[in-house]
Every structure is written in structure tokens, then in C-alpha cells.
């Protein structure tokens, strides 16, 4: 290899590294953008589904459902009541129950209740906030 070829090769090497560096930076930025768009779309979908479930009061099961005996103890929070109902299969989502109870201002009463898995969350909230504790 001649001296002239060697000098030309040394001059071209930083240019090639610069191009590779730019392409690498572009690919990293593109990957970050793709992740951001995915997270944004997934978050939007999840938020919509949660909001929709809060303002629609679907039942855990189709009618006729099944009766479930539930006892609400004095001092139980709306969040713990929602967890109890979800664990017993009366509702699908304890968080949706809690949010609905908070938004609509239901005062849930302690007592023993017979609830049905085909009841809407709104119906369950009405039952649990009734003055008569034994339903």
C-alpha cells in the first residue's frame, strides 16, 4: 500500500465513524420514540377502559347470577368493601367500585347483605347504603 493510499484511508476513517455514529444516534432516538408512542397509546387505552368502566355499571355475571352473602363490618373502608366484594365474585373490579362509591358519595352501612353477581355496581351501592342493615 502506498503512502498516498494510507493517508487517504486515514482521512476517510473519521468520516465513516461519523456516519456510523449519526446512524446509531438516529436509531436510538427512533427506538425511544417508538417506546414513547407505545406507552402513550397503551396508557390512553387503559385510561379510557377504566373511565368507561367507572361510568357504566356492568355486572360480574349475566342474569340470573348467583346470590352471595356478604357481611360489612363497622369501620370497613369503601376500598376494603370493594376488595371483599371482588374476592367473593360479586363485582369485577374493586377499584371501580371504590371510585364509584367516592364519586357518587355513597355512605355504605355495616350489616349482612345478600347480593347477586348479576347486580350492577350502582345497584350494589344502593343496597349497601340503605338504612335497613339486613337486606
N, C-alpha and C. Protein backbone atom coordinates (compact mmCIF):
# COMPACT_ATOMS: atom_id res chain seq x y z
N UNK A 1 0.85 -1.16 0.00
CA UNK A 1 0.00 0.00 0.00
C UNK A 1 0.91 1.23 0.00
N UNK A 2 0.58 2.16 -0.88
CA UNK A 2 1.43 3.35 -0.99
C UNK A 2 1.12 4.31 0.14
N UNK A 3 2.01 5.23 0.32
CA UNK A 3 1.86 6.26 1.36
C UNK A 3 0.63 7.11 1.10
N UNK A 4 0.35 7.41 -0.14
CA UNK A 4 -0.81 8.23 -0.52
C UNK A 4 -2.11 7.50 -0.18
N UNK A 5 -2.16 6.20 -0.48
CA UNK A 5 -3.35 5.39 -0.16
C UNK A 5 -3.57 5.33 1.34
N UNK A 6 -2.49 5.22 2.06
CA UNK A 6 -2.56 5.15 3.53
C UNK A 6 -3.12 6.45 4.09
N UNK A 7 -2.69 7.61 3.60
CA UNK A 7 -3.19 8.91 4.06
C UNK A 7 -4.67 9.06 3.73
N UNK A 8 -5.08 8.62 2.55
CA UNK A 8 -6.48 8.72 2.13
C UNK A 8 -7.35 7.86 3.05
N UNK A 9 -6.85 6.66 3.37
CA UNK A 9 -7.59 5.76 4.24
C UNK A 9 -7.75 6.35 5.64
N UNK A 10 -6.72 6.98 6.17
CA UNK A 10 -6.77 7.59 7.49
C UNK A 10 -7.72 8.78 7.51
N UNK A 11 -7.85 9.49 6.39
CA UNK A 11 -8.76 10.63 6.32
C UNK A 11 -10.21 10.17 6.21
N UNK A 12 -10.44 9.05 5.55
CA UNK A 12 -11.80 8.55 5.38
C UNK A 12 -12.33 7.88 6.64
N UNK A 13 -11.46 7.35 7.49
CA UNK A 13 -11.88 6.63 8.68
C UNK A 13 -12.72 7.49 9.62
N UNK A 14 -12.35 8.73 9.95
CA UNK A 14 -13.21 9.55 10.82
C UNK A 14 -14.57 9.86 10.17
N UNK A 15 -14.62 9.97 8.85
CA UNK A 15 -15.89 10.24 8.18
C UNK A 15 -16.82 9.03 8.32
N UNK A 16 -16.26 7.84 8.15
CA UNK A 16 -17.07 6.62 8.28
C UNK A 16 -17.57 6.49 9.72
N UNK A 17 -16.70 6.75 10.69
CA UNK A 17 -17.12 6.69 12.09
C UNK A 17 -18.19 7.73 12.40
N UNK A 18 -18.09 8.91 11.80
CA UNK A 18 -19.11 9.95 11.98
C UNK A 18 -20.46 9.51 11.45
N UNK A 19 -20.47 8.88 10.27
CA UNK A 19 -21.71 8.39 9.68
C UNK A 19 -22.31 7.29 10.55
N UNK A 20 -21.49 6.36 10.99
CA UNK A 20 -21.95 5.27 11.85
C UNK A 20 -22.51 5.84 13.15
N UNK A 21 -21.85 6.83 13.71
CA UNK A 21 -22.29 7.47 14.94
C UNK A 21 -23.66 8.13 14.74
N UNK A 22 -23.83 8.85 13.62
CA UNK A 22 -25.11 9.51 13.34
C UNK A 22 -26.23 8.49 13.16
N UNK A 23 -25.94 7.41 12.44
CA UNK A 23 -26.94 6.37 12.23
C UNK A 23 -27.31 5.72 13.57
N UNK A 24 -26.33 5.46 14.40
CA UNK A 24 -26.58 4.88 15.73
C UNK A 24 -27.44 5.79 16.58
N UNK A 25 -27.11 7.08 16.59
CA UNK A 25 -27.91 8.05 17.36
C UNK A 25 -29.34 8.11 16.84
N UNK A 26 -29.49 8.09 15.52
CA UNK A 26 -30.83 8.13 14.93
C UNK A 26 -31.65 6.91 15.34
N UNK A 27 -31.03 5.73 15.30
CA UNK A 27 -31.74 4.50 15.67
C UNK A 27 -32.14 4.50 17.14
N UNK A 28 -31.28 5.02 17.99
CA UNK A 28 -31.61 5.11 19.42
C UNK A 28 -32.79 6.06 19.63
N UNK A 29 -32.75 7.21 18.97
CA UNK A 29 -33.86 8.16 19.08
C UNK A 29 -35.15 7.56 18.54
N UNK A 30 -35.06 6.83 17.45
CA UNK A 30 -36.23 6.18 16.86
C UNK A 30 -36.81 5.14 17.82
N UNK A 31 -35.96 4.38 18.47
CA UNK A 31 -36.41 3.37 19.43
C UNK A 31 -37.09 4.03 20.63
N UNK A 32 -36.52 5.13 21.12
CA UNK A 32 -37.11 5.85 22.24
C UNK A 32 -38.48 6.41 21.84
N UNK A 33 -38.59 6.94 20.64
CA UNK A 33 -39.85 7.46 20.14
C UNK A 33 -40.89 6.34 20.03
N UNK A 34 -40.49 5.19 19.53
CA UNK A 34 -41.41 4.05 19.40
C UNK A 34 -41.91 3.61 20.77
N UNK A 35 -41.03 3.54 21.76
CA UNK A 35 -41.43 3.17 23.11
C UNK A 35 -42.39 4.21 23.68
N UNK A 36 -42.10 5.49 23.48
CA UNK A 36 -42.96 6.57 23.97
C UNK A 36 -44.36 6.47 23.35
N UNK A 37 -44.42 6.24 22.05
CA UNK A 37 -45.72 6.13 21.36
C UNK A 37 -46.49 4.91 21.88
N UNK A 38 -45.80 3.79 22.07
CA UNK A 38 -46.45 2.59 22.60
C UNK A 38 -47.02 2.86 23.99
N UNK A 39 -46.23 3.46 24.86
CA UNK A 39 -46.68 3.75 26.22
C UNK A 39 -47.86 4.73 26.20
N UNK A 40 -47.78 5.73 25.36
CA UNK A 40 -48.86 6.70 25.24
C UNK A 40 -50.15 6.03 24.79
N UNK A 41 -50.08 5.20 23.75
CA UNK A 41 -51.27 4.53 23.25
C UNK A 41 -51.82 3.53 24.26
N UNK A 42 -50.94 2.75 24.89
CA UNK A 42 -51.38 1.79 25.89
C UNK A 42 -52.00 2.51 27.08
N UNK A 43 -51.37 3.58 27.53
CA UNK A 43 -51.90 4.35 28.66
C UNK A 43 -53.25 4.97 28.34
N UNK A 44 -53.38 5.49 27.13
CA UNK A 44 -54.65 6.09 26.72
C UNK A 44 -55.75 5.03 26.69
N UNK A 45 -55.45 3.88 26.13
CA UNK A 45 -56.43 2.78 26.05
C UNK A 45 -56.82 2.34 27.45
N UNK A 46 -55.85 2.17 28.32
CA UNK A 46 -56.12 1.72 29.68
C UNK A 46 -56.95 2.76 30.44
N UNK A 47 -56.61 4.03 30.30
CA UNK A 47 -57.36 5.09 30.97
C UNK A 47 -58.80 5.15 30.46
N UNK A 48 -58.98 5.00 29.15
CA UNK A 48 -60.33 5.01 28.58
C UNK A 48 -61.15 3.85 29.14
N UNK A 49 -60.57 2.65 29.13
CA UNK A 49 -61.28 1.47 29.63
C UNK A 49 -61.66 1.63 31.10
N UNK A 50 -60.76 2.18 31.90
CA UNK A 50 -61.06 2.39 33.32
C UNK A 50 -62.17 3.41 33.47
N UNK A 51 -62.05 4.54 32.77
CA UNK A 51 -63.09 5.57 32.85
C UNK A 51 -64.43 5.06 32.39
N UNK A 52 -64.43 4.28 31.32
CA UNK A 52 -65.66 3.70 30.82
C UNK A 52 -66.29 2.78 31.85
N UNK A 53 -65.46 1.96 32.50
CA UNK A 53 -66.00 1.03 33.49
C UNK A 53 -66.51 1.75 34.74
N UNK A 54 -65.96 2.93 35.04
CA UNK A 54 -66.45 3.69 36.19
C UNK A 54 -67.85 4.23 35.92
N UNK A 55 -68.10 4.66 34.69
CA UNK A 55 -69.37 5.30 34.39
C UNK A 55 -70.39 4.36 33.75
N UNK A 56 -70.04 3.11 33.59
CA UNK A 56 -71.01 2.09 33.20
C UNK A 56 -71.03 1.08 34.33
N UNK A 57 -72.17 0.57 34.62
CA UNK A 57 -72.26 -0.26 35.82
C UNK A 57 -72.59 -1.70 35.44
N UNK A 58 -71.67 -2.34 34.76
CA UNK A 58 -71.86 -3.73 34.35
C UNK A 58 -71.81 -4.67 35.53
N UNK A 59 -72.43 -5.82 35.36
CA UNK A 59 -72.47 -6.84 36.41
C UNK A 59 -71.29 -7.80 36.25
N UNK A 60 -70.99 -8.52 37.31
CA UNK A 60 -69.91 -9.51 37.28
C UNK A 60 -70.31 -10.72 36.45
N UNK A 61 -71.60 -11.06 36.45
CA UNK A 61 -72.10 -12.22 35.71
C UNK A 61 -73.43 -11.86 35.05
N UNK A 62 -73.77 -12.62 34.03
CA UNK A 62 -75.07 -12.46 33.37
C UNK A 62 -76.18 -12.95 34.31
N UNK A 63 -77.39 -12.43 34.12
CA UNK A 63 -78.55 -12.88 34.89
C UNK A 63 -78.78 -14.36 34.59
N UNK A 64 -79.17 -15.16 35.53
CA UNK A 64 -79.68 -14.81 36.85
C UNK A 64 -78.57 -14.62 37.89
N UNK A 65 -77.34 -14.93 37.58
CA UNK A 65 -76.25 -14.77 38.55
C UNK A 65 -76.39 -15.75 39.70
N UNK A 66 -75.69 -15.44 40.76
CA UNK A 66 -75.79 -16.28 41.97
C UNK A 66 -75.80 -15.37 43.19
N UNK A 67 -76.51 -15.78 44.22
CA UNK A 67 -76.58 -14.99 45.45
C UNK A 67 -75.33 -15.24 46.29
N UNK A 68 -74.85 -14.15 46.88
CA UNK A 68 -73.67 -14.22 47.74
C UNK A 68 -73.99 -13.48 49.03
N UNK A 69 -73.73 -14.12 50.15
CA UNK A 69 -73.92 -13.50 51.46
C UNK A 69 -72.66 -12.71 51.81
N UNK A 70 -72.85 -11.44 52.15
CA UNK A 70 -71.73 -10.55 52.45
C UNK A 70 -72.00 -9.84 53.76
N UNK A 71 -70.99 -9.77 54.62
CA UNK A 71 -71.11 -9.03 55.87
C UNK A 71 -70.14 -7.87 55.86
N UNK A 72 -70.69 -6.67 56.00
CA UNK A 72 -69.89 -5.45 56.07
C UNK A 72 -69.74 -5.11 57.55
N UNK A 73 -68.52 -5.06 58.01
CA UNK A 73 -68.26 -4.77 59.41
C UNK A 73 -68.16 -3.27 59.65
N UNK A 74 -68.46 -2.86 60.87
CA UNK A 74 -68.33 -1.47 61.25
C UNK A 74 -66.88 -1.04 61.09
N UNK A 75 -66.67 0.11 60.48
CA UNK A 75 -65.33 0.65 60.31
C UNK A 75 -64.64 0.24 59.02
N UNK A 76 -65.27 -0.64 58.23
CA UNK A 76 -64.65 -1.03 56.96
C UNK A 76 -64.67 0.15 55.99
N UNK A 77 -63.56 0.35 55.31
CA UNK A 77 -63.48 1.43 54.33
C UNK A 77 -64.14 1.00 53.02
N UNK A 78 -64.44 1.97 52.19
CA UNK A 78 -65.02 1.67 50.87
C UNK A 78 -64.05 0.82 50.05
N UNK A 79 -62.79 1.08 50.20
CA UNK A 79 -61.77 0.31 49.48
C UNK A 79 -61.77 -1.15 49.94
N UNK A 80 -61.85 -1.38 51.26
CA UNK A 80 -61.84 -2.76 51.76
C UNK A 80 -63.16 -3.47 51.43
N UNK A 81 -64.26 -2.74 51.40
CA UNK A 81 -65.54 -3.35 50.99
C UNK A 81 -65.45 -3.77 49.53
N UNK A 82 -64.86 -2.90 48.68
CA UNK A 82 -64.68 -3.25 47.28
C UNK A 82 -63.82 -4.50 47.11
N UNK A 83 -62.76 -4.60 47.89
CA UNK A 83 -61.90 -5.79 47.84
C UNK A 83 -62.65 -7.04 48.28
N UNK A 84 -63.45 -6.92 49.33
CA UNK A 84 -64.26 -8.04 49.81
C UNK A 84 -65.22 -8.51 48.72
N UNK A 85 -65.91 -7.56 48.09
CA UNK A 85 -66.88 -7.92 47.04
C UNK A 85 -66.20 -8.53 45.83
N UNK A 86 -65.03 -8.01 45.47
CA UNK A 86 -64.29 -8.58 44.33
C UNK A 86 -63.79 -9.98 44.65
N UNK A 87 -63.30 -10.20 45.87
CA UNK A 87 -62.81 -11.52 46.27
C UNK A 87 -63.93 -12.56 46.28
N UNK A 88 -65.16 -12.11 46.57
CA UNK A 88 -66.29 -13.03 46.60
C UNK A 88 -66.98 -13.14 45.24
N UNK A 89 -66.48 -12.41 44.24
CA UNK A 89 -67.02 -12.52 42.88
C UNK A 89 -68.28 -11.71 42.63
N UNK A 90 -68.63 -10.83 43.56
CA UNK A 90 -69.84 -10.03 43.39
C UNK A 90 -69.61 -8.92 42.35
N UNK A 91 -68.40 -8.38 42.31
CA UNK A 91 -68.03 -7.36 41.34
C UNK A 91 -66.74 -7.79 40.64
N UNK A 92 -66.48 -7.14 39.51
CA UNK A 92 -65.27 -7.48 38.75
C UNK A 92 -64.04 -6.72 39.24
N UNK A 93 -64.22 -5.46 39.65
CA UNK A 93 -63.07 -4.61 39.91
C UNK A 93 -63.30 -3.78 41.18
N UNK A 94 -62.48 -4.01 42.19
CA UNK A 94 -62.61 -3.30 43.46
C UNK A 94 -62.33 -1.81 43.31
N UNK A 95 -61.40 -1.45 42.45
CA UNK A 95 -61.06 -0.04 42.27
C UNK A 95 -62.22 0.72 41.64
N UNK A 96 -62.87 0.12 40.65
CA UNK A 96 -64.03 0.75 40.02
C UNK A 96 -65.13 0.95 41.07
N UNK A 97 -65.36 -0.05 41.92
CA UNK A 97 -66.35 0.07 42.99
C UNK A 97 -66.00 1.24 43.90
N UNK A 98 -64.76 1.30 44.32
CA UNK A 98 -64.32 2.38 45.22
C UNK A 98 -64.50 3.75 44.58
N UNK A 99 -64.10 3.89 43.33
CA UNK A 99 -64.21 5.18 42.64
C UNK A 99 -65.67 5.58 42.50
N UNK A 100 -66.54 4.63 42.13
CA UNK A 100 -67.96 4.96 42.02
C UNK A 100 -68.54 5.36 43.37
N UNK A 101 -68.18 4.66 44.42
CA UNK A 101 -68.68 4.99 45.75
C UNK A 101 -68.23 6.40 46.16
N UNK A 102 -67.00 6.76 45.81
CA UNK A 102 -66.49 8.09 46.15
C UNK A 102 -67.13 9.18 45.28
N UNK A 103 -67.22 8.95 43.98
CA UNK A 103 -67.78 9.96 43.08
C UNK A 103 -69.22 10.27 43.44
N UNK A 104 -70.01 9.23 43.66
CA UNK A 104 -71.44 9.42 43.92
C UNK A 104 -71.76 9.62 45.39
N UNK A 105 -70.76 9.54 46.26
CA UNK A 105 -70.92 9.87 47.67
C UNK A 105 -71.78 8.89 48.46
N UNK A 106 -71.71 7.62 48.15
CA UNK A 106 -72.49 6.63 48.90
C UNK A 106 -71.92 6.45 50.30
N UNK A 107 -72.81 6.37 51.29
CA UNK A 107 -72.43 6.09 52.67
C UNK A 107 -72.79 4.64 52.94
N UNK A 108 -71.81 3.77 52.88
CA UNK A 108 -72.06 2.33 53.00
C UNK A 108 -72.25 1.94 54.45
N UNK A 109 -73.30 1.18 54.71
CA UNK A 109 -73.68 0.81 56.07
C UNK A 109 -73.20 -0.60 56.41
N UNK A 110 -72.77 -0.81 57.66
CA UNK A 110 -72.41 -2.16 58.08
C UNK A 110 -73.66 -3.03 58.17
N UNK A 111 -73.48 -4.33 58.01
CA UNK A 111 -74.60 -5.25 58.11
C UNK A 111 -74.38 -6.47 57.25
N UNK A 112 -75.37 -7.35 57.26
CA UNK A 112 -75.33 -8.57 56.44
C UNK A 112 -76.24 -8.36 55.24
N UNK A 113 -75.74 -8.71 54.07
CA UNK A 113 -76.47 -8.48 52.82
C UNK A 113 -76.40 -9.74 51.97
N UNK A 114 -77.46 -9.93 51.19
CA UNK A 114 -77.46 -10.95 50.14
C UNK A 114 -77.39 -10.17 48.83
N UNK A 115 -76.27 -10.31 48.14
CA UNK A 115 -76.07 -9.63 46.86
C UNK A 115 -76.03 -10.67 45.76
N UNK A 116 -76.33 -10.24 44.55
CA UNK A 116 -76.32 -11.15 43.42
C UNK A 116 -75.25 -10.71 42.44
N UNK A 117 -74.57 -11.67 41.86
CA UNK A 117 -73.48 -11.36 40.93
C UNK A 117 -73.97 -10.72 39.63
N UNK A 118 -75.28 -10.72 39.40
CA UNK A 118 -75.82 -10.07 38.21
C UNK A 118 -76.23 -8.63 38.49
N UNK A 119 -76.06 -8.16 39.74
CA UNK A 119 -76.36 -6.77 40.07
C UNK A 119 -75.26 -5.86 39.54
N UNK A 120 -75.67 -4.67 39.13
CA UNK A 120 -74.69 -3.66 38.72
C UNK A 120 -74.04 -3.08 39.97
N UNK A 121 -72.91 -2.43 39.78
CA UNK A 121 -72.24 -1.80 40.93
C UNK A 121 -73.15 -0.74 41.54
N UNK A 122 -73.86 -0.01 40.70
CA UNK A 122 -74.78 1.02 41.21
C UNK A 122 -75.85 0.39 42.11
N UNK A 123 -76.41 -0.72 41.67
CA UNK A 123 -77.42 -1.41 42.46
C UNK A 123 -76.84 -1.90 43.79
N UNK A 124 -75.62 -2.41 43.74
CA UNK A 124 -74.95 -2.88 44.97
C UNK A 124 -74.71 -1.71 45.91
N UNK A 125 -74.27 -0.60 45.37
CA UNK A 125 -74.04 0.59 46.21
C UNK A 125 -75.33 1.07 46.85
N UNK A 126 -76.42 1.04 46.11
CA UNK A 126 -77.72 1.44 46.66
C UNK A 126 -78.12 0.49 47.78
N UNK A 127 -77.90 -0.80 47.58
CA UNK A 127 -78.24 -1.79 48.61
C UNK A 127 -77.41 -1.58 49.86
N UNK A 128 -76.12 -1.38 49.68
CA UNK A 128 -75.22 -1.24 50.83
C UNK A 128 -75.37 0.10 51.55
N UNK A 129 -76.04 1.04 50.93
CA UNK A 129 -76.22 2.34 51.58
C UNK A 129 -77.64 2.51 52.12
N UNK A 130 -78.45 1.47 52.02
CA UNK A 130 -79.83 1.52 52.53
C UNK A 130 -79.81 1.61 54.05
N UNK A 131 -80.86 2.21 54.62
CA UNK A 131 -80.95 2.38 56.07
C UNK A 131 -81.13 1.05 56.80
N UNK A 132 -81.91 0.14 56.23
CA UNK A 132 -82.12 -1.16 56.85
C UNK A 132 -80.87 -2.00 56.61
N UNK A 133 -80.21 -2.46 57.68
CA UNK A 133 -78.93 -3.14 57.54
C UNK A 133 -79.07 -4.58 57.08
N UNK A 134 -80.20 -5.22 57.23
CA UNK A 134 -80.36 -6.60 56.80
C UNK A 134 -81.19 -6.60 55.55
N UNK A 135 -80.56 -7.00 54.43
CA UNK A 135 -81.23 -6.98 53.12
C UNK A 135 -81.56 -8.38 52.68
